[in-house]
Amino acid sequence: MAMRMITTAIVMFLCFSFFTYKVKEKYGIKSKQNEQSISQQTSSPEDIAGVALDGYDLVAIYENHENKLGTDEFNYPYSNVKLLFASQENLDKFSSNPYKYMPEYSGYDAYELSYNNLSTGKAEFARNIKGKIYLFNSTQNRDMFLLVKDEAIETSASNWEEKRR
């Protein structure tokens, strides 16, 4: 239970960081953090708080539509967490463009968000839909979302905008 709460907090932090970066990029906002490279944002091994996304490989989800667990052999320390990957190739892809692989809505369940509810998503139920990773907290939520994905994506995005204000 405690590990799931830590993982949830880590996913939320990573997604919030991604969102902040994208907003700054879109509106041309400069800051010291914005000017740092990803390698400068990585953590040293002694600062790692845990494994993010229950150890699932974001690149495998994004590119191969596979919910595949990574291994400690291929890890990427980032913002006090460790992201795991299934191969060196996936680790290299992530490290060259980490924001491409970050889940939508700070890791919240996209189906629940389409009903204006916040519920933490799980990487084991994630899907790449139209080039974005969406997390869900169950197979039922994922399957329901996929039935009406265009409308659900639009509603979730609108609800997310409102919740972020």
C-alpha atoms as a PDB file:
ATOM      1  CA  MET A   1       0.000   0.000   0.000  1.00  0.00           C
ATOM      2  CA  ALA A   2       2.776   2.435   0.916  1.00  0.00           C
ATOM      3  CA  MET A   3       4.708   1.612  -2.273  1.00  0.00           C
ATOM      4  CA  ARG A   4       1.580   2.244  -4.366  1.00  0.00           C
ATOM      5  CA  MET A   5       1.162   5.639  -2.676  1.00  0.00           C
ATOM      6  CA  ILE A   6       4.819   6.468  -3.336  1.00  0.00           C
ATOM      7  CA  THR A   7       4.469   5.348  -6.958  1.00  0.00           C
ATOM      8  CA  THR A   8       1.329   7.462  -7.334  1.00  0.00           C
ATOM      9  CA  ALA A   9       3.109  10.508  -5.954  1.00  0.00           C
ATOM     10  CA  ILE A  10       6.056   9.892  -8.258  1.00  0.00           C
ATOM     11  CA  VAL A  11       3.837   9.570 -11.351  1.00  0.00           C
ATOM     12  CA  MET A  12       1.991  12.744 -10.408  1.00  0.00           C
ATOM     13  CA  PHE A  13       5.283  14.583  -9.907  1.00  0.00           C
ATOM     14  CA  LEU A  14       6.716  13.382 -13.224  1.00  0.00           C
ATOM     15  CA  CYS A  15       3.586  14.320 -15.139  1.00  0.00           C
ATOM     16  CA  PHE A  16       3.349  17.714 -13.426  1.00  0.00           C
ATOM     17  CA  SER A  17       6.979  18.345 -14.348  1.00  0.00           C
ATOM     18  CA  PHE A  18       6.224  17.390 -17.935  1.00  0.00           C
ATOM     19  CA  PHE A  19       3.165  19.662 -18.062  1.00  0.00           C
ATOM     20  CA  THR A  20       5.129  22.595 -16.621  1.00  0.00           C
ATOM     21  CA  TYR A  21       7.865  22.065 -19.186  1.00  0.00           C
ATOM     22  CA  LYS A  22       5.343  21.974 -22.056  1.00  0.00           C
ATOM     23  CA  VAL A  23       3.582  25.154 -20.904  1.00  0.00           C
ATOM     24  CA  LYS A  24       6.891  26.974 -20.579  1.00  0.00           C
ATOM     25  CA  GLU A  25       7.953  25.692 -23.980  1.00  0.00           C
ATOM     26  CA  LYS A  26       4.656  26.719 -25.612  1.00  0.00           C
ATOM     27  CA  TYR A  27       4.672  30.237 -24.187  1.00  0.00           C
ATOM     28  CA  GLY A  28       8.434  30.771 -24.348  1.00  0.00           C
ATOM     29  CA  ILE A  29       8.860  31.122 -20.581  1.00  0.00           C
ATOM     30  CA  LYS A  30      12.503  30.879 -19.561  1.00  0.00           C
ATOM     31  CA  SER A  31      13.733  29.723 -16.177  1.00  0.00           C
ATOM     32  CA  LYS A  32      16.863  28.177 -14.745  1.00  0.00           C
ATOM     33  CA  GLN A  33      15.171  24.779 -14.531  1.00  0.00           C
ATOM     34  CA  ASN A  34      13.941  25.105 -18.115  1.00  0.00           C
ATOM     35  CA  GLU A  35      17.508  25.682 -19.257  1.00  0.00           C
ATOM     36  CA  GLN A  36      18.874  22.590 -17.513  1.00  0.00           C
ATOM     37  CA  SER A  37      19.359  19.498 -19.580  1.00  0.00           C
ATOM     38  CA  ILE A  38      17.708  16.252 -18.596  1.00  0.00           C
ATOM     39  CA  SER A  39      21.079  14.879 -17.542  1.00  0.00           C
ATOM     40  CA  GLN A  40      21.380  17.706 -15.037  1.00  0.00           C
ATOM     41  CA  GLN A  41      17.979  16.782 -13.578  1.00  0.00           C
ATOM     42  CA  THR A  42      18.905  13.175 -12.907  1.00  0.00           C
ATOM     43  CA  SER A  43      19.412  11.990  -9.366  1.00  0.00           C
ATOM     44  CA  SER A  44      22.357  10.271  -7.797  1.00  0.00           C
ATOM     45  CA  PRO A  45      21.730   6.675  -6.610  1.00  0.00           C
ATOM     46  CA  GLU A  46      21.589   7.668  -2.936  1.00  0.00           C
ATOM     47  CA  ASP A  47      18.745  10.147  -3.646  1.00  0.00           C
ATOM     48  CA  ILE A  48      16.399   7.601  -5.264  1.00  0.00           C
ATOM     49  CA  ALA A  49      13.042   7.301  -3.464  1.00  0.00           C
ATOM     50  CA  GLY A  50      11.668   4.324  -5.392  1.00  0.00           C
ATOM     51  CA  VAL A  51      10.656   2.864  -8.721  1.00  0.00           C
ATOM     52  CA  ALA A  52       8.134   4.852 -10.740  1.00  0.00           C
ATOM     53  CA  LEU A  53       5.138   3.384 -12.570  1.00  0.00           C
ATOM     54  CA  ASP A  54       5.464   0.045 -10.765  1.00  0.00           C
ATOM     55  CA  GLY A  55       8.482  -0.663 -12.976  1.00  0.00           C
ATOM     56  CA  TYR A  56       6.691  -0.570 -16.335  1.00  0.00           C
ATOM     57  CA  ASP A  57       8.643   0.461 -19.429  1.00  0.00           C
ATOM     58  CA  LEU A  58       7.115   3.656 -20.898  1.00  0.00           C
ATOM     59  CA  VAL A  59       8.863   3.186 -24.238  1.00  0.00           C
ATOM     60  CA  ALA A  60       7.434  -0.341 -24.640  1.00  0.00           C
ATOM     61  CA  ILE A  61       3.960   1.044 -23.919  1.00  0.00           C
ATOM     62  CA  TYR A  62       4.422   3.931 -26.340  1.00  0.00           C
ATOM     63  CA  GLU A  63       6.107   2.185 -29.251  1.00  0.00           C
ATOM     64  CA  ASN A  64       5.070  -1.459 -29.032  1.00  0.00           C
ATOM     65  CA  HIS A  65       1.727  -1.145 -27.235  1.00  0.00           C
ATOM     66  CA  GLU A  66       3.088  -3.611 -24.661  1.00  0.00           C
ATOM     67  CA  ASN A  67       2.704  -3.256 -20.927  1.00  0.00           C
ATOM     68  CA  LYS A  68       6.131  -4.687 -20.222  1.00  0.00           C
ATOM     69  CA  LEU A  69       8.078  -4.550 -16.987  1.00  0.00           C
ATOM     70  CA  GLY A  70      11.542  -3.064 -17.089  1.00  0.00           C
ATOM     71  CA  THR A  71      14.586  -4.346 -15.236  1.00  0.00           C
ATOM     72  CA  ASP A  72      16.936  -2.689 -12.819  1.00  0.00           C
ATOM     73  CA  GLU A  73      19.745  -3.282 -15.328  1.00  0.00           C
ATOM     74  CA  PHE A  74      18.246  -0.601 -17.601  1.00  0.00           C
ATOM     75  CA  ASN A  75      17.225   2.220 -15.300  1.00  0.00           C
ATOM     76  CA  TYR A  76      17.077   5.966 -15.559  1.00  0.00           C
ATOM     77  CA  PRO A  77      17.281   7.957 -12.319  1.00  0.00           C
ATOM     78  CA  TYR A  78      15.120  11.049 -12.654  1.00  0.00           C
ATOM     79  CA  SER A  79      13.741  13.456 -10.056  1.00  0.00           C
ATOM     80  CA  ASN A  80      14.301  11.136  -7.076  1.00  0.00           C
ATOM     81  CA  VAL A  81      12.779   8.083  -8.762  1.00  0.00           C
ATOM     82  CA  LYS A  82      14.031   5.296 -10.924  1.00  0.00           C
ATOM     83  CA  LEU A  83      12.356   4.515 -14.245  1.00  0.00           C
ATOM     84  CA  LEU A  84      12.933   0.975 -15.508  1.00  0.00           C
ATOM     85  CA  PHE A  85      13.232  -0.190 -19.105  1.00  0.00           C
ATOM     86  CA  ALA A  86      13.174  -3.609 -20.753  1.00  0.00           C
ATOM     87  CA  SER A  87      16.234  -2.959 -22.930  1.00  0.00           C
ATOM     88  CA  GLN A  88      19.158  -0.621 -23.491  1.00  0.00           C
ATOM     89  CA  GLU A  89      17.475   0.503 -26.713  1.00  0.00           C
ATOM     90  CA  ASN A  90      14.355   1.626 -24.818  1.00  0.00           C
ATOM     91  CA  LEU A  91      16.474   3.379 -22.194  1.00  0.00           C
ATOM     92  CA  ASP A  92      18.346   5.228 -24.947  1.00  0.00           C
ATOM     93  CA  LYS A  93      15.104   6.262 -26.652  1.00  0.00           C
ATOM     94  CA  PHE A  94      13.681   7.576 -23.397  1.00  0.00           C
ATOM     95  CA  SER A  95      16.819   9.470 -22.436  1.00  0.00           C
ATOM     96  CA  SER A  96      16.913  11.199 -25.836  1.00  0.00           C
ATOM     97  CA  ASN A  97      13.332  12.529 -25.472  1.00  0.00           C
ATOM     98  CA  PRO A  98      11.751  11.731 -22.072  1.00  0.00           C
ATOM     99  CA  TYR A  99       8.781  14.078 -22.448  1.00  0.00           C
ATOM    100  CA  LYS A 100       7.527  12.124 -25.456  1.00  0.00           C
ATOM    101  CA  TYR A 101       6.823   9.138 -23.214  1.00  0.00           C
ATOM    102  CA  MET A 102       5.220  10.805 -20.179  1.00  0.00           C
ATOM    103  CA  PRO A 103       1.621   9.807 -19.386  1.00  0.00           C
ATOM    104  CA  GLU A 104      -1.225  12.266 -19.931  1.00  0.00           C
ATOM    105  CA  TYR A 105      -3.092  13.966 -17.058  1.00  0.00           C
ATOM    106  CA  SER A 106      -0.296  13.553 -14.502  1.00  0.00           C
ATOM    107  CA  GLY A 107      -0.947   9.833 -14.396  1.00  0.00           C
ATOM    108  CA  TYR A 108      -4.604  10.028 -13.425  1.00  0.00           C
ATOM    109  CA  ASP A 109      -7.072   7.508 -14.864  1.00  0.00           C
ATOM    110  CA  ALA A 110      -8.277   9.003 -18.151  1.00  0.00           C
ATOM    111  CA  TYR A 111     -11.665   7.255 -17.998  1.00  0.00           C
ATOM    112  CA  GLU A 112     -12.408   8.559 -14.497  1.00  0.00           C
ATOM    113  CA  LEU A 113     -11.313  12.009 -15.603  1.00  0.00           C
ATOM    114  CA  SER A 114     -13.820  11.890 -18.454  1.00  0.00           C
ATOM    115  CA  TYR A 115     -16.432  11.806 -15.653  1.00  0.00           C
ATOM    116  CA  ASN A 116     -14.635  14.642 -13.847  1.00  0.00           C
ATOM    117  CA  ASN A 117     -13.238  12.301 -11.156  1.00  0.00           C
ATOM    118  CA  LEU A 118      -9.595  12.049 -10.129  1.00  0.00           C
ATOM    119  CA  SER A 119      -8.355   8.516  -9.623  1.00  0.00           C
ATOM    120  CA  THR A 120      -4.764   7.366  -9.908  1.00  0.00           C
ATOM    121  CA  GLY A 121      -3.973   5.341 -13.005  1.00  0.00           C
ATOM    122  CA  LYS A 122      -1.720   2.294 -13.120  1.00  0.00           C
ATOM    123  CA  ALA A 123       0.898   1.638 -15.779  1.00  0.00           C
ATOM    124  CA  GLU A 124      -0.116  -2.013 -16.031  1.00  0.00           C
ATOM    125  CA  PHE A 125      -3.373  -0.836 -17.685  1.00  0.00           C
ATOM    126  CA  ALA A 126      -1.799   1.919 -19.814  1.00  0.00           C
ATOM    127  CA  ARG A 127      -2.398   2.325 -23.529  1.00  0.00           C
ATOM    128  CA  ASN A 128      -0.875   4.380 -26.300  1.00  0.00           C
ATOM    129  CA  ILE A 129      -3.791   6.099 -27.985  1.00  0.00           C
ATOM    130  CA  LYS A 130      -3.047   8.439 -30.863  1.00  0.00           C
ATOM    131  CA  GLY A 131       0.582   8.857 -29.813  1.00  0.00           C
ATOM    132  CA  LYS A 132      -0.058   9.591 -26.116  1.00  0.00           C
ATOM    133  CA  ILE A 133       0.121   7.339 -23.084  1.00  0.00           C
ATOM    134  CA  TYR A 134      -3.047   7.165 -20.992  1.00  0.00           C
ATOM    135  CA  LEU A 135      -3.192   5.383 -17.637  1.00  0.00           C
ATOM    136  CA  PHE A 136      -6.224   3.588 -16.207  1.00  0.00           C
ATOM    137  CA  ASN A 137      -6.845   1.987 -12.819  1.00  0.00           C
ATOM    138  CA  SER A 138      -8.519  -1.150 -14.218  1.00  0.00           C
ATOM    139  CA  THR A 139      -9.078  -3.084 -17.411  1.00  0.00           C
ATOM    140  CA  GLN A 140     -12.762  -2.153 -17.202  1.00  0.00           C
ATOM    141  CA  ASN A 141     -11.973   1.569 -17.224  1.00  0.00           C
ATOM    142  CA  ARG A 142      -9.519   1.139 -20.079  1.00  0.00           C
ATOM    143  CA  ASP A 143     -11.972  -0.879 -22.149  1.00  0.00           C
ATOM    144  CA  MET A 144     -14.830   1.575 -21.544  1.00  0.00           C
ATOM    145  CA  PHE A 145     -12.561   4.473 -22.530  1.00  0.00           C
ATOM    146  CA  LEU A 146     -11.538   2.698 -25.727  1.00  0.00           C
ATOM    147  CA  LEU A 147     -15.179   2.199 -26.742  1.00  0.00           C
ATOM    148  CA  VAL A 148     -15.668   5.964 -27.023  1.00  0.00           C
ATOM    149  CA  LYS A 149     -12.064   7.115 -27.159  1.00  0.00           C
ATOM    150  CA  ASP A 150     -12.499  10.258 -29.276  1.00  0.00           C
ATOM    151  CA  GLU A 151     -15.251  11.667 -27.075  1.00  0.00           C
ATOM    152  CA  ALA A 152     -13.546  10.454 -23.902  1.00  0.00           C
ATOM    153  CA  ILE A 153     -10.229  12.067 -24.856  1.00  0.00           C
ATOM    154  CA  GLU A 154     -11.957  15.366 -25.575  1.00  0.00           C
ATOM    155  CA  THR A 155     -13.956  15.295 -22.328  1.00  0.00           C
ATOM    156  CA  SER A 156     -10.962  14.201 -20.247  1.00  0.00           C
ATOM    157  CA  ALA A 157      -8.806  16.984 -21.701  1.00  0.00           C
ATOM    158  CA  SER A 158     -11.493  19.566 -20.983  1.00  0.00           C
ATOM    159  CA  ASN A 159     -11.994  18.306 -17.420  1.00  0.00           C
ATOM    160  CA  TRP A 160      -8.219  18.254 -16.876  1.00  0.00           C
ATOM    161  CA  GLU A 161      -7.955  21.902 -17.942  1.00  0.00           C
ATOM    162  CA  GLU A 162     -10.658  22.803 -15.425  1.00  0.00           C
ATOM    163  CA  LYS A 163      -9.056  20.825 -12.591  1.00  0.00           C
ATOM    164  CA  ARG A 164      -5.658  22.415 -13.186  1.00  0.00           C
ATOM    165  CA  ARG A 165      -7.022  25.950 -12.758  1.00  0.00           C
END
